[in-house]
């Protein structure tokens, strides 16, 4: 696959939480910080010895996983720790198809909702 180009909302830092084998197989997300899912909390929670320099209290992270489920779970755990984090519904698969969420809740296109339903059907 080719690299996927995605422009996040202003101020968001994109984090690709897929493992390296997935990035090698499916393609990269240019401009994203690449962290394996197991390392995310240690790197994005401010004030830890292992935190990234960008992991300040005002950082806003947008997590991307293969199908969106892993990123959503990690984003929830980060929010529980006071970190501003969200995830891309449908994950890298949706982005690779050129299906991106609209602005804000309820702003998704019909194509985006159909693709999410297809992903959900295949993941079950």
Foldseek 3Di string as FASTA:
>chain_A
DEAFEDDDDPQEAEEEQEDPVCCVVPHHHPRHHYHHLVCVVQAQDPPHPNHDPQNDLPHAYEYAYQQWPSQQVSQVVVVVSNHHYYYWHGGPVCRVVVQGAAPDPPRGDPVNVVSSVVSVVVVD
